[in-house]
C-alpha atoms as a PDB file:
ATOM      1  CA  MET A   1       0.000   0.000   0.000  1.00  0.00           C
ATOM      2  CA  VAL A   2       1.185   3.467  -0.936  1.00  0.00           C
ATOM      3  CA  THR A   3       0.105   6.808   0.548  1.00  0.00           C
ATOM      4  CA  ARG A   4      -0.668   9.418  -2.087  1.00  0.00           C
ATOM      5  CA  GLN A   5      -2.093  12.928  -2.140  1.00  0.00           C
ATOM      6  CA  CYS A   6      -5.385  13.561  -3.925  1.00  0.00           C
ATOM      7  CA  ARG A   7      -4.877  15.685  -7.021  1.00  0.00           C
ATOM      8  CA  TRP A   8      -8.032  17.680  -6.262  1.00  0.00           C
ATOM      9  CA  CYS A   9      -8.418  18.139  -2.485  1.00  0.00           C
ATOM     10  CA  ARG A  10      -4.808  17.370  -1.463  1.00  0.00           C
ATOM     11  CA  ARG A  11      -5.904  14.942   1.266  1.00  0.00           C
ATOM     12  CA  LYS A  12      -3.752  11.888   1.773  1.00  0.00           C
ATOM     13  CA  PHE A  13      -5.218   8.490   0.888  1.00  0.00           C
ATOM     14  CA  VAL A  14      -4.002   4.921   0.658  1.00  0.00           C
ATOM     15  CA  ALA A  15      -3.639   3.613  -2.881  1.00  0.00           C
ATOM     16  CA  ASN A  16      -3.129  -0.067  -3.524  1.00  0.00           C
ATOM     17  CA  ALA A  17       0.133  -0.773  -5.286  1.00  0.00           C
ATOM     18  CA  GLY A  18      -0.561  -3.015  -8.219  1.00  0.00           C
ATOM     19  CA  PRO A  19      -0.959  -3.177 -11.956  1.00  0.00           C
ATOM     20  CA  GLY A  20      -2.490  -0.341 -13.882  1.00  0.00           C
ATOM     21  CA  ARG A  21      -2.360   3.399 -13.455  1.00  0.00           C
ATOM     22  CA  PRO A  22      -2.047   4.607  -9.877  1.00  0.00           C
ATOM     23  CA  ARG A  23      -5.065   6.363  -8.354  1.00  0.00           C
ATOM     24  CA  GLU A  24      -4.816  10.149  -8.344  1.00  0.00           C
ATOM     25  CA  PHE A  25      -7.981  10.969  -6.403  1.00  0.00           C
ATOM     26  CA  CYS A  26      -9.201   9.964  -2.957  1.00  0.00           C
ATOM     27  CA  LYS A  27     -12.817   9.570  -4.104  1.00  0.00           C
ATOM     28  CA  GLN A  28     -14.962   9.758  -7.209  1.00  0.00           C
ATOM     29  CA  SER A  29     -16.335  13.223  -6.380  1.00  0.00           C
ATOM     30  CA  CYS A  30     -12.788  14.663  -6.371  1.00  0.00           C
ATOM     31  CA  ARG A  31     -12.161  13.063  -9.748  1.00  0.00           C
ATOM     32  CA  GLN A  32     -15.392  14.631 -11.039  1.00  0.00           C
ATOM     33  CA  ARG A  33     -14.535  18.115  -9.652  1.00  0.00           C
ATOM     34  CA  ASP A  34     -11.106  17.900 -11.313  1.00  0.00           C
ATOM     35  CA  TYR A  35     -12.707  16.999 -14.656  1.00  0.00           C
ATOM     36  CA  GLU A  36     -15.210  19.854 -14.342  1.00  0.00           C
ATOM     37  CA  SER A  37     -12.503  22.364 -13.485  1.00  0.00           C
ATOM     38  CA  ARG A  38     -10.417  21.291 -16.478  1.00  0.00           C
ATOM     39  CA  GLN A  39     -13.443  21.682 -18.764  1.00  0.00           C
ATOM     40  CA  PHE A  40     -14.180  25.093 -17.253  1.00  0.00           C
ATOM     41  CA  ALA A  41     -10.562  26.154 -17.854  1.00  0.00           C
ATOM     42  CA  VAL A  42     -10.638  25.007 -21.479  1.00  0.00           C
ATOM     43  CA  GLU A  43     -13.877  26.939 -22.091  1.00  0.00           C
ATOM     44  CA  ARG A  44     -12.267  30.107 -20.763  1.00  0.00           C
ATOM     45  CA  GLY A  45      -8.885  29.677 -22.424  1.00  0.00           C
ATOM     46  CA  LEU A  46      -6.934  29.138 -19.200  1.00  0.00           C
ATOM     47  CA  ASP A  47      -3.876  26.957 -19.010  1.00  0.00           C
ATOM     48  CA  GLU A  48      -2.999  24.503 -16.242  1.00  0.00           C
ATOM     49  CA  THR A  49      -1.101  27.117 -14.213  1.00  0.00           C
ATOM     50  CA  GLN A  50      -3.997  29.581 -14.002  1.00  0.00           C
ATOM     51  CA  LEU A  51      -6.752  29.598 -11.430  1.00  0.00           C
ATOM     52  CA  ILE A  52      -9.942  31.583 -10.906  1.00  0.00           C
ATOM     53  CA  VAL A  53     -10.539  32.637  -7.305  1.00  0.00           C
ATOM     54  CA  THR A  54     -13.139  35.057  -6.024  1.00  0.00           C
ATOM     55  CA  ARG A  55     -11.939  38.285  -4.469  1.00  0.00           C
ATOM     56  CA  ALA A  56     -13.654  37.329  -1.188  1.00  0.00           C
ATOM     57  CA  GLU A  57     -11.850  33.968  -1.043  1.00  0.00           C
ATOM     58  CA  LEU A  58      -8.513  35.606  -1.773  1.00  0.00           C
ATOM     59  CA  ASP A  59      -9.090  38.312   0.842  1.00  0.00           C
ATOM     60  CA  ASP A  60     -10.100  35.664   3.398  1.00  0.00           C
ATOM     61  CA  LEU A  61      -6.948  33.666   2.703  1.00  0.00           C
ATOM     62  CA  ARG A  62      -4.762  36.765   2.967  1.00  0.00           C
ATOM     63  CA  ASP A  63      -6.404  37.675   6.294  1.00  0.00           C
ATOM     64  CA  LYS A  64      -5.747  34.208   7.718  1.00  0.00           C
ATOM     65  CA  LEU A  65      -2.144  34.268   6.515  1.00  0.00           C
ATOM     66  CA  TYR A  66      -1.653  37.678   8.124  1.00  0.00           C
ATOM     67  CA  VAL A  67      -2.979  36.372  11.449  1.00  0.00           C
ATOM     68  CA  LEU A  68      -0.589  33.415  11.229  1.00  0.00           C
ATOM     69  CA  GLU A  69       2.336  35.693  10.341  1.00  0.00           C
ATOM     70  CA  CYS A  70       1.618  37.897  13.368  1.00  0.00           C
ATOM     71  CA  ALA A  71       1.317  34.852  15.628  1.00  0.00           C
ATOM     72  CA  VAL A  72       4.699  33.568  14.438  1.00  0.00           C
ATOM     73  CA  GLU A  73       6.309  36.943  15.142  1.00  0.00           C
ATOM     74  CA  ASP A  74       4.693  37.098  18.604  1.00  0.00           C
ATOM     75  CA  VAL A  75       5.796  33.577  19.485  1.00  0.00           C
ATOM     76  CA  GLU A  76       9.358  34.144  18.274  1.00  0.00           C
ATOM     77  CA  ARG A  77       9.565  37.270  20.412  1.00  0.00           C
ATOM     78  CA  ASP A  78       8.027  35.554  23.443  1.00  0.00           C
ATOM     79  CA  LEU A  79      10.297  32.505  23.189  1.00  0.00           C
ATOM     80  CA  ASP A  80      13.388  34.710  22.867  1.00  0.00           C
ATOM     81  CA  ALA A  81      12.422  36.333  26.161  1.00  0.00           C
ATOM     82  CA  SER A  82      11.627  33.128  28.046  1.00  0.00           C
ATOM     83  CA  SER A  83      11.565  29.379  27.636  1.00  0.00           C
ATOM     84  CA  GLU A  84       9.569  28.291  30.667  1.00  0.00           C
ATOM     85  CA  PRO A  85       7.562  25.145  29.870  1.00  0.00           C
ATOM     86  CA  HIS A  86       4.189  26.799  30.505  1.00  0.00           C
ATOM     87  CA  GLU A  87       5.156  29.723  28.235  1.00  0.00           C
ATOM     88  CA  VAL A  88       6.282  27.359  25.477  1.00  0.00           C
ATOM     89  CA  ARG A  89       2.941  25.531  25.756  1.00  0.00           C
ATOM     90  CA  GLU A  90       1.084  28.856  25.613  1.00  0.00           C
ATOM     91  CA  ALA A  91       3.110  29.919  22.547  1.00  0.00           C
ATOM     92  CA  LEU A  92       2.394  26.628  20.816  1.00  0.00           C
ATOM     93  CA  SER A  93      -1.300  27.037  21.550  1.00  0.00           C
ATOM     94  CA  TRP A  94      -1.209  30.561  20.072  1.00  0.00           C
ATOM     95  CA  ILE A  95       0.425  29.300  16.841  1.00  0.00           C
ATOM     96  CA  LEU A  96      -2.026  26.406  16.565  1.00  0.00           C
ATOM     97  CA  ASP A  97      -5.025  28.701  17.034  1.00  0.00           C
ATOM     98  CA  ALA A  98      -3.736  30.913  14.215  1.00  0.00           C
ATOM     99  CA  ALA A  99      -2.952  27.958  11.916  1.00  0.00           C
ATOM    100  CA  ARG A 100      -6.172  25.961  12.343  1.00  0.00           C
ATOM    101  CA  PRO A 101      -8.324  28.128  10.028  1.00  0.00           C
ATOM    102  CA  LEU A 102      -5.808  27.534   7.241  1.00  0.00           C
ATOM    103  CA  ALA A 103      -5.492  23.813   7.963  1.00  0.00           C
ATOM    104  CA  ALA A 104      -9.268  23.440   8.043  1.00  0.00           C
ATOM    105  CA  ARG A 105      -9.673  24.644   4.465  1.00  0.00           C
ATOM    106  CA  SER A 106     -11.001  21.676   2.519  1.00  0.00           C
ATOM    107  CA  ASP A 107     -11.700  23.318  -0.829  1.00  0.00           C
END
């Protein structure tokens, strides 16, 4: 068994090693979404490196990245000042809270 990453949703899945082409998608719906997106791109003259994203989605992603960037800076500063175990745990919690909205993105 081989662990692969879905070409559409990027989730990891177990693919059976064997004859034939290796699986590229974790489930049929991801395969279908990939097909639809490729058809959509062809209709609009986009190549494989181009992507259409709404302004709201892009702004939301930028906001979440900014929060994570600030959390990293805060934690670096806090850990430079002290390395008490409870402060390290608190810093880790702060980073995780800032990273979870990005990690939770499934689309």
